Amino acid sequence: MILSCPDCGTRFAIDADKLRPDGRRVKCGKCAHVWFESAPEPEPEPEADTFDDPPLSVTPLEPEEQSPIPPRNLPAIHRAKKARSARIGWLAVVTLLAAILAVLWFGRAQIATIVPQAEGIYAAVGLPAFPPPGEGLEIEFDPKTENGSLTLKGEIINTTSGVRDVPGLRVLITDAKDQTLKEWTFVSDVARLGPGETAAFTTSTDSVPDGAANVSILFTNSDENR
């Protein structure tokens, strides 16, 4: 609760329980004035032996908390402070959990490499420990044919906010039934892309199989490039 010294007007914050049900003497921590302070709730007049207790010493509020207007000695409200502390605590917990989940998600390949048992844990929750090759990367290309040859020019785009390694690439030429007619692999000149960065590439073949209907470029696993 908040007290105001009757002599100098200094304000103080104290625990209302220390005043006891029937009140007690209070000593100003600034001017040393002593006065009797009643409890917040109306209670019977203090007994004579109450004045035998030593006065309760109180400490002045900070200068910015002082006010020229003497306030009523009402109980201080602590619930707002407790609620604010609880919100801050929960925010810290949520932030920590988000950071842990981000590490477990984006670093699952490194974790599974260091701790092989982690691969089984990821599999148990339906998440591959080793993400698909080229995760977060997109491929755009333009095919051109001339005199029976095929040239593919395009670029690899990092669509994420982090750094991504560029795996090898595989070209597939298929017919109308998606049957593979021809394929080959190649490697980009850029091995790693930062956020939003791109890497251009060019690849070609001198002969296009008869019946070719579609051409696609896919990322390959590292062991497929050996």
C-alpha atoms as a PDB file:
ATOM      1  CA  MET A   1       0.000   0.000   0.000  1.00  0.00           C
ATOM      2  CA  ILE A   2       1.033   3.664  -0.384  1.00  0.00           C
ATOM      3  CA  LEU A   3       1.594   5.894   2.686  1.00  0.00           C
ATOM      4  CA  SER A   4       2.129   9.648   2.873  1.00  0.00           C
ATOM      5  CA  CYS A   5       4.095  11.263   5.713  1.00  0.00           C
ATOM      6  CA  PRO A   6       1.827  13.831   7.441  1.00  0.00           C
ATOM      7  CA  ASP A   7       4.847  16.045   8.191  1.00  0.00           C
ATOM      8  CA  CYS A   8       6.919  16.203   4.953  1.00  0.00           C
ATOM      9  CA  GLY A   9       4.481  14.687   2.442  1.00  0.00           C
ATOM     10  CA  THR A  10       6.922  11.999   1.277  1.00  0.00           C
ATOM     11  CA  ARG A  11       5.224   8.913  -0.176  1.00  0.00           C
ATOM     12  CA  PHE A  12       6.152   5.342   0.725  1.00  0.00           C
ATOM     13  CA  ALA A  13       5.280   1.855  -0.513  1.00  0.00           C
ATOM     14  CA  ILE A  14       4.881  -0.821   2.207  1.00  0.00           C
ATOM     15  CA  ASP A  15       3.265  -4.215   2.672  1.00  0.00           C
ATOM     16  CA  ALA A  16      -0.221  -3.638   4.138  1.00  0.00           C
ATOM     17  CA  ASP A  17       0.135  -6.786   6.276  1.00  0.00           C
ATOM     18  CA  LYS A  18       2.853  -5.056   8.338  1.00  0.00           C
ATOM     19  CA  LEU A  19       0.319  -2.565   9.701  1.00  0.00           C
ATOM     20  CA  ARG A  20      -1.594  -5.358  11.474  1.00  0.00           C
ATOM     21  CA  PRO A  21      -5.387  -5.358  11.746  1.00  0.00           C
ATOM     22  CA  ASP A  22      -5.402  -2.588  14.370  1.00  0.00           C
ATOM     23  CA  GLY A  23      -2.640  -0.400  12.878  1.00  0.00           C
ATOM     24  CA  ARG A  24       0.757   0.603  14.221  1.00  0.00           C
ATOM     25  CA  ARG A  25       3.225   3.474  14.421  1.00  0.00           C
ATOM     26  CA  VAL A  26       5.190   4.376  11.325  1.00  0.00           C
ATOM     27  CA  LYS A  27       8.473   6.268  11.112  1.00  0.00           C
ATOM     28  CA  CYS A  28       9.247   8.398   8.037  1.00  0.00           C
ATOM     29  CA  GLY A  29      12.495   7.277   6.444  1.00  0.00           C
ATOM     30  CA  LYS A  30      13.157  10.853   5.239  1.00  0.00           C
ATOM     31  CA  CYS A  31      12.293  13.260   8.072  1.00  0.00           C
ATOM     32  CA  ALA A  32      12.044  10.674  10.942  1.00  0.00           C
ATOM     33  CA  HIS A  33       8.534  11.845  11.823  1.00  0.00           C
ATOM     34  CA  VAL A  34       6.544   9.169  13.694  1.00  0.00           C
ATOM     35  CA  TRP A  35       2.799   8.788  13.344  1.00  0.00           C
ATOM     36  CA  PHE A  36       0.142   6.149  13.860  1.00  0.00           C
ATOM     37  CA  GLU A  37      -1.212   4.553  10.670  1.00  0.00           C
ATOM     38  CA  SER A  38      -4.504   2.620  10.716  1.00  0.00           C
ATOM     39  CA  ALA A  39      -5.045  -0.516   8.689  1.00  0.00           C
ATOM     40  CA  PRO A  40      -6.780  -0.099   5.290  1.00  0.00           C
ATOM     41  CA  GLU A  41      -9.998  -1.757   6.526  1.00  0.00           C
ATOM     42  CA  PRO A  42     -11.938  -0.108   9.405  1.00  0.00           C
ATOM     43  CA  GLU A  43     -10.948  -1.830  12.620  1.00  0.00           C
ATOM     44  CA  PRO A  44     -11.542  -1.218  16.363  1.00  0.00           C
ATOM     45  CA  GLU A  45      -9.456   1.436  18.078  1.00  0.00           C
ATOM     46  CA  PRO A  46      -5.893   0.269  18.817  1.00  0.00           C
ATOM     47  CA  GLU A  47      -5.207  -1.150  22.224  1.00  0.00           C
ATOM     48  CA  ALA A  48      -2.893   0.644  24.580  1.00  0.00           C
ATOM     49  CA  ASP A  49      -0.068  -1.881  24.248  1.00  0.00           C
ATOM     50  CA  THR A  50       0.107  -1.182  20.479  1.00  0.00           C
ATOM     51  CA  PHE A  51       2.144   1.920  21.235  1.00  0.00           C
ATOM     52  CA  ASP A  52       4.736  -0.204  23.004  1.00  0.00           C
ATOM     53  CA  ASP A  53       5.822  -1.745  19.678  1.00  0.00           C
ATOM     54  CA  PRO A  54       8.821  -0.176  17.926  1.00  0.00           C
ATOM     55  CA  PRO A  55       7.803   2.096  14.996  1.00  0.00           C
ATOM     56  CA  LEU A  56       7.867   0.609  11.501  1.00  0.00           C
ATOM     57  CA  SER A  57      10.559   2.329   9.419  1.00  0.00           C
ATOM     58  CA  VAL A  58       9.561   2.987   5.797  1.00  0.00           C
ATOM     59  CA  THR A  59      11.714   4.003   2.819  1.00  0.00           C
ATOM     60  CA  PRO A  60      10.866   6.941   0.521  1.00  0.00           C
ATOM     61  CA  LEU A  61       9.739   6.250  -3.043  1.00  0.00           C
ATOM     62  CA  GLU A  62      12.027   7.222  -5.911  1.00  0.00           C
ATOM     63  CA  PRO A  63      11.887  10.958  -6.836  1.00  0.00           C
ATOM     64  CA  GLU A  64       9.880  10.266 -10.010  1.00  0.00           C
ATOM     65  CA  GLU A  65       7.268   8.463  -7.902  1.00  0.00           C
ATOM     66  CA  GLN A  66       6.736  11.418  -5.567  1.00  0.00           C
ATOM     67  CA  SER A  67       3.687  13.644  -6.078  1.00  0.00           C
ATOM     68  CA  PRO A  68       2.857  17.088  -4.669  1.00  0.00           C
ATOM     69  CA  ILE A  69      -0.727  15.896  -4.090  1.00  0.00           C
ATOM     70  CA  PRO A  70      -1.009  13.847  -0.846  1.00  0.00           C
ATOM     71  CA  PRO A  71      -2.719  10.555  -1.814  1.00  0.00           C
ATOM     72  CA  ARG A  72      -5.107   8.473   0.218  1.00  0.00           C
ATOM     73  CA  ASN A  73      -3.409   5.572   1.967  1.00  0.00           C
ATOM     74  CA  LEU A  74      -4.981   2.846  -0.200  1.00  0.00           C
ATOM     75  CA  PRO A  75      -3.643  -0.710  -0.643  1.00  0.00           C
ATOM     76  CA  ALA A  76      -1.232  -1.102  -3.559  1.00  0.00           C
ATOM     77  CA  ILE A  77      -2.360  -3.334  -6.426  1.00  0.00           C
ATOM     78  CA  HIS A  78       0.189  -6.106  -7.032  1.00  0.00           C
ATOM     79  CA  ARG A  79      -1.833  -8.163  -9.494  1.00  0.00           C
ATOM     80  CA  ALA A  80      -0.803  -6.014 -12.481  1.00  0.00           C
ATOM     81  CA  LYS A  81       2.893  -6.516 -11.701  1.00  0.00           C
ATOM     82  CA  LYS A  82       2.430 -10.253 -11.281  1.00  0.00           C
ATOM     83  CA  ALA A  83       0.502 -10.516 -14.574  1.00  0.00           C
ATOM     84  CA  ARG A  84       3.204  -8.533 -16.403  1.00  0.00           C
ATOM     85  CA  SER A  85       5.942 -10.755 -14.985  1.00  0.00           C
ATOM     86  CA  ALA A  86       3.991 -13.850 -16.010  1.00  0.00           C
ATOM     87  CA  ARG A  87       3.610 -12.562 -19.580  1.00  0.00           C
ATOM     88  CA  ILE A  88       7.315 -11.829 -19.824  1.00  0.00           C
ATOM     89  CA  GLY A  89       8.095 -15.309 -18.512  1.00  0.00           C
ATOM     90  CA  TRP A  90       5.804 -16.999 -21.026  1.00  0.00           C
ATOM     91  CA  LEU A  91       7.238 -14.894 -23.853  1.00  0.00           C
ATOM     92  CA  ALA A  92      10.744 -16.015 -22.924  1.00  0.00           C
ATOM     93  CA  VAL A  93       9.627 -19.665 -22.861  1.00  0.00           C
ATOM     94  CA  VAL A  94       7.911 -19.392 -26.265  1.00  0.00           C
ATOM     95  CA  THR A  95      10.973 -17.677 -27.776  1.00  0.00           C
ATOM     96  CA  LEU A  96      13.260 -20.400 -26.433  1.00  0.00           C
ATOM     97  CA  LEU A  97      11.005 -23.174 -27.762  1.00  0.00           C
ATOM     98  CA  ALA A  98      10.864 -21.499 -31.187  1.00  0.00           C
ATOM     99  CA  ALA A  99      14.659 -21.318 -31.297  1.00  0.00           C
ATOM    100  CA  ILE A 100      14.988 -25.001 -30.333  1.00  0.00           C
ATOM    101  CA  LEU A 101      12.438 -26.066 -32.961  1.00  0.00           C
ATOM    102  CA  ALA A 102      14.242 -24.019 -35.616  1.00  0.00           C
ATOM    103  CA  VAL A 103      17.519 -25.761 -34.805  1.00  0.00           C
ATOM    104  CA  LEU A 104      15.852 -29.187 -34.843  1.00  0.00           C
ATOM    105  CA  TRP A 105      14.178 -28.436 -38.196  1.00  0.00           C
ATOM    106  CA  PHE A 106      16.874 -26.660 -40.195  1.00  0.00           C
ATOM    107  CA  GLY A 107      19.773 -28.512 -38.618  1.00  0.00           C
ATOM    108  CA  ARG A 108      18.302 -32.018 -38.721  1.00  0.00           C
ATOM    109  CA  ALA A 109      20.787 -33.238 -41.331  1.00  0.00           C
ATOM    110  CA  GLN A 110      23.763 -32.094 -39.244  1.00  0.00           C
ATOM    111  CA  ILE A 111      22.206 -33.536 -36.079  1.00  0.00           C
ATOM    112  CA  ALA A 112      21.548 -36.909 -37.735  1.00  0.00           C
ATOM    113  CA  THR A 113      25.094 -36.961 -39.098  1.00  0.00           C
ATOM    114  CA  ILE A 114      26.617 -36.366 -35.664  1.00  0.00           C
ATOM    115  CA  VAL A 115      24.097 -38.518 -33.792  1.00  0.00           C
ATOM    116  CA  PRO A 116      22.923 -41.356 -36.104  1.00  0.00           C
ATOM    117  CA  GLN A 117      20.206 -42.387 -33.612  1.00  0.00           C
ATOM    118  CA  ALA A 118      18.472 -39.073 -34.311  1.00  0.00           C
ATOM    119  CA  GLU A 119      17.517 -40.279 -37.788  1.00  0.00           C
ATOM    120  CA  GLY A 120      15.175 -42.866 -36.240  1.00  0.00           C
ATOM    121  CA  ILE A 121      13.645 -40.238 -33.962  1.00  0.00           C
ATOM    122  CA  TYR A 122      12.906 -37.962 -36.906  1.00  0.00           C
ATOM    123  CA  ALA A 123      11.452 -40.898 -38.857  1.00  0.00           C
ATOM    124  CA  ALA A 124       9.161 -41.750 -35.912  1.00  0.00           C
ATOM    125  CA  VAL A 125       7.482 -38.341 -36.205  1.00  0.00           C
ATOM    126  CA  GLY A 126       7.232 -38.582 -39.992  1.00  0.00           C
ATOM    127  CA  LEU A 127      10.057 -36.168 -40.766  1.00  0.00           C
ATOM    128  CA  PRO A 128      13.051 -37.165 -42.880  1.00  0.00           C
ATOM    129  CA  ALA A 129      16.310 -36.450 -41.101  1.00  0.00           C
ATOM    130  CA  PHE A 130      17.969 -35.580 -44.377  1.00  0.00           C
ATOM    131  CA  PRO A 131      15.849 -33.053 -46.287  1.00  0.00           C
ATOM    132  CA  PRO A 132      15.218 -33.489 -50.007  1.00  0.00           C
ATOM    133  CA  PRO A 133      18.138 -32.293 -52.174  1.00  0.00           C
ATOM    134  CA  GLY A 134      17.727 -28.682 -53.167  1.00  0.00           C
ATOM    135  CA  GLU A 135      15.189 -27.885 -50.442  1.00  0.00           C
ATOM    136  CA  GLY A 136      14.502 -24.156 -50.625  1.00  0.00           C
ATOM    137  CA  LEU A 137      15.936 -23.885 -54.161  1.00  0.00           C
ATOM    138  CA  GLU A 138      14.004 -23.450 -57.395  1.00  0.00           C
ATOM    139  CA  ILE A 139      15.056 -24.161 -60.985  1.00  0.00           C
ATOM    140  CA  GLU A 140      13.960 -22.081 -63.946  1.00  0.00           C
ATOM    141  CA  PHE A 141      15.172 -22.875 -67.468  1.00  0.00           C
ATOM    142  CA  ASP A 142      14.444 -22.327 -71.152  1.00  0.00           C
ATOM    143  CA  PRO A 143      14.950 -25.250 -73.576  1.00  0.00           C
ATOM    144  CA  LYS A 144      16.036 -24.578 -77.152  1.00  0.00           C
ATOM    145  CA  THR A 145      16.482 -27.097 -79.963  1.00  0.00           C
ATOM    146  CA  GLU A 146      18.540 -26.605 -83.102  1.00  0.00           C
ATOM    147  CA  ASN A 147      19.635 -29.146 -85.733  1.00  0.00           C
ATOM    148  CA  GLY A 148      18.714 -32.076 -83.476  1.00  0.00           C
ATOM    149  CA  SER A 149      20.576 -30.747 -80.415  1.00  0.00           C
ATOM    150  CA  LEU A 150      19.029 -29.478 -77.154  1.00  0.00           C
ATOM    151  CA  THR A 151      20.367 -26.609 -75.050  1.00  0.00           C
ATOM    152  CA  LEU A 152      19.028 -25.758 -71.590  1.00  0.00           C
ATOM    153  CA  LYS A 153      19.818 -22.350 -70.111  1.00  0.00           C
ATOM    154  CA  GLY A 154      18.459 -21.340 -66.740  1.00  0.00           C
ATOM    155  CA  GLU A 155      19.204 -20.402 -63.165  1.00  0.00           C
ATOM    156  CA  ILE A 156      18.930 -21.789 -59.654  1.00  0.00           C
ATOM    157  CA  ILE A 157      17.197 -19.489 -57.161  1.00  0.00           C
ATOM    158  CA  ASN A 158      17.504 -19.545 -53.363  1.00  0.00           C
ATOM    159  CA  THR A 159      13.991 -18.670 -52.160  1.00  0.00           C
ATOM    160  CA  THR A 160      14.825 -18.927 -48.447  1.00  0.00           C
ATOM    161  CA  SER A 161      16.280 -16.502 -45.910  1.00  0.00           C
ATOM    162  CA  GLY A 162      19.269 -18.767 -45.226  1.00  0.00           C
ATOM    163  CA  VAL A 163      22.303 -20.134 -47.029  1.00  0.00           C
ATOM    164  CA  ARG A 164      21.705 -23.233 -49.189  1.00  0.00           C
ATOM    165  CA  ASP A 165      24.145 -25.706 -50.760  1.00  0.00           C
ATOM    166  CA  VAL A 166      23.544 -26.406 -54.433  1.00  0.00           C
ATOM    167  CA  PRO A 167      23.405 -30.154 -55.193  1.00  0.00           C
ATOM    168  CA  GLY A 168      24.067 -31.718 -58.552  1.00  0.00           C
ATOM    169  CA  LEU A 169      21.380 -31.606 -61.233  1.00  0.00           C
ATOM    170  CA  ARG A 170      19.907 -34.275 -63.496  1.00  0.00           C
ATOM    171  CA  VAL A 171      18.227 -33.743 -66.850  1.00  0.00           C
ATOM    172  CA  LEU A 172      15.424 -36.123 -67.836  1.00  0.00           C
ATOM    173  CA  ILE A 173      13.984 -36.385 -71.345  1.00  0.00           C
ATOM    174  CA  THR A 174      10.719 -38.348 -71.327  1.00  0.00           C
ATOM    175  CA  ASP A 175       8.050 -39.338 -73.824  1.00  0.00           C
ATOM    176  CA  ALA A 176       4.313 -38.646 -73.648  1.00  0.00           C
ATOM    177  CA  LYS A 177       3.902 -41.517 -71.177  1.00  0.00           C
ATOM    178  CA  ASP A 178       6.619 -40.142 -68.863  1.00  0.00           C
ATOM    179  CA  GLN A 179       8.989 -42.927 -69.844  1.00  0.00           C
ATOM    180  CA  THR A 180      12.622 -41.845 -69.560  1.00  0.00           C
ATOM    181  CA  LEU A 181      14.321 -41.710 -72.953  1.00  0.00           C
ATOM    182  CA  LYS A 182      17.562 -40.009 -71.964  1.00  0.00           C
ATOM    183  CA  GLU A 183      19.183 -38.511 -68.870  1.00  0.00           C
ATOM    184  CA  TRP A 184      22.449 -36.966 -67.750  1.00  0.00           C
ATOM    185  CA  THR A 185      23.809 -35.089 -64.755  1.00  0.00           C
ATOM    186  CA  PHE A 186      25.826 -31.926 -64.387  1.00  0.00           C
ATOM    187  CA  VAL A 187      27.054 -29.650 -61.609  1.00  0.00           C
ATOM    188  CA  SER A 188      26.484 -25.917 -61.197  1.00  0.00           C
ATOM    189  CA  ASP A 189      29.503 -23.625 -61.126  1.00  0.00           C
ATOM    190  CA  VAL A 190      28.171 -22.186 -57.841  1.00  0.00           C
ATOM    191  CA  ALA A 191      28.225 -24.550 -54.868  1.00  0.00           C
ATOM    192  CA  ARG A 192      26.390 -22.351 -52.356  1.00  0.00           C
ATOM    193  CA  LEU A 193      23.771 -19.613 -52.560  1.00  0.00           C
ATOM    194  CA  GLY A 194      22.926 -16.936 -50.031  1.00  0.00           C
ATOM    195  CA  PRO A 195      19.383 -15.672 -49.376  1.00  0.00           C
ATOM    196  CA  GLY A 196      17.768 -14.576 -52.660  1.00  0.00           C
ATOM    197  CA  GLU A 197      20.894 -15.295 -54.717  1.00  0.00           C
ATOM    198  CA  THR A 198      20.846 -17.025 -58.118  1.00  0.00           C
ATOM    199  CA  ALA A 199      23.270 -19.152 -60.137  1.00  0.00           C
ATOM    200  CA  ALA A 200      23.105 -19.431 -63.918  1.00  0.00           C
ATOM    201  CA  PHE A 201      23.769 -22.707 -65.742  1.00  0.00           C
ATOM    202  CA  THR A 202      23.887 -24.111 -69.242  1.00  0.00           C
ATOM    203  CA  THR A 203      23.797 -27.752 -70.302  1.00  0.00           C
ATOM    204  CA  SER A 204      23.129 -29.444 -73.655  1.00  0.00           C
ATOM    205  CA  THR A 205      23.000 -32.686 -75.617  1.00  0.00           C
ATOM    206  CA  ASP A 206      23.835 -33.259 -79.272  1.00  0.00           C
ATOM    207  CA  SER A 207      21.008 -35.688 -79.898  1.00  0.00           C
ATOM    208  CA  VAL A 208      17.363 -35.684 -78.889  1.00  0.00           C
ATOM    209  CA  PRO A 209      15.687 -39.132 -78.811  1.00  0.00           C
ATOM    210  CA  ASP A 210      12.748 -39.804 -81.099  1.00  0.00           C
ATOM    211  CA  GLY A 211       9.424 -39.467 -79.292  1.00  0.00           C
ATOM    212  CA  ALA A 212      10.764 -36.909 -76.795  1.00  0.00           C
ATOM    213  CA  ALA A 213       7.882 -34.896 -75.347  1.00  0.00           C
ATOM    214  CA  ASN A 214       9.103 -33.411 -72.060  1.00  0.00           C
ATOM    215  CA  VAL A 215      12.340 -32.276 -70.470  1.00  0.00           C
ATOM    216  CA  SER A 216      12.870 -31.617 -66.763  1.00  0.00           C
ATOM    217  CA  ILE A 217      15.762 -30.759 -64.455  1.00  0.00           C
ATOM    218  CA  LEU A 218      15.898 -32.200 -60.926  1.00  0.00           C
ATOM    219  CA  PHE A 219      18.256 -31.946 -58.003  1.00  0.00           C
ATOM    220  CA  THR A 220      20.161 -35.120 -57.192  1.00  0.00           C
ATOM    221  CA  ASN A 221      21.409 -36.643 -53.957  1.00  0.00           C
ATOM    222  CA  SER A 222      25.115 -36.363 -53.320  1.00  0.00           C
ATOM    223  CA  ASP A 223      25.661 -40.113 -53.786  1.00  0.00           C
ATOM    224  CA  GLU A 224      23.998 -39.963 -57.217  1.00  0.00           C
ATOM    225  CA  ASN A 225      26.665 -37.559 -58.450  1.00  0.00           C
ATOM    226  CA  ARG A 226      29.579 -39.929 -57.828  1.00  0.00           C
END
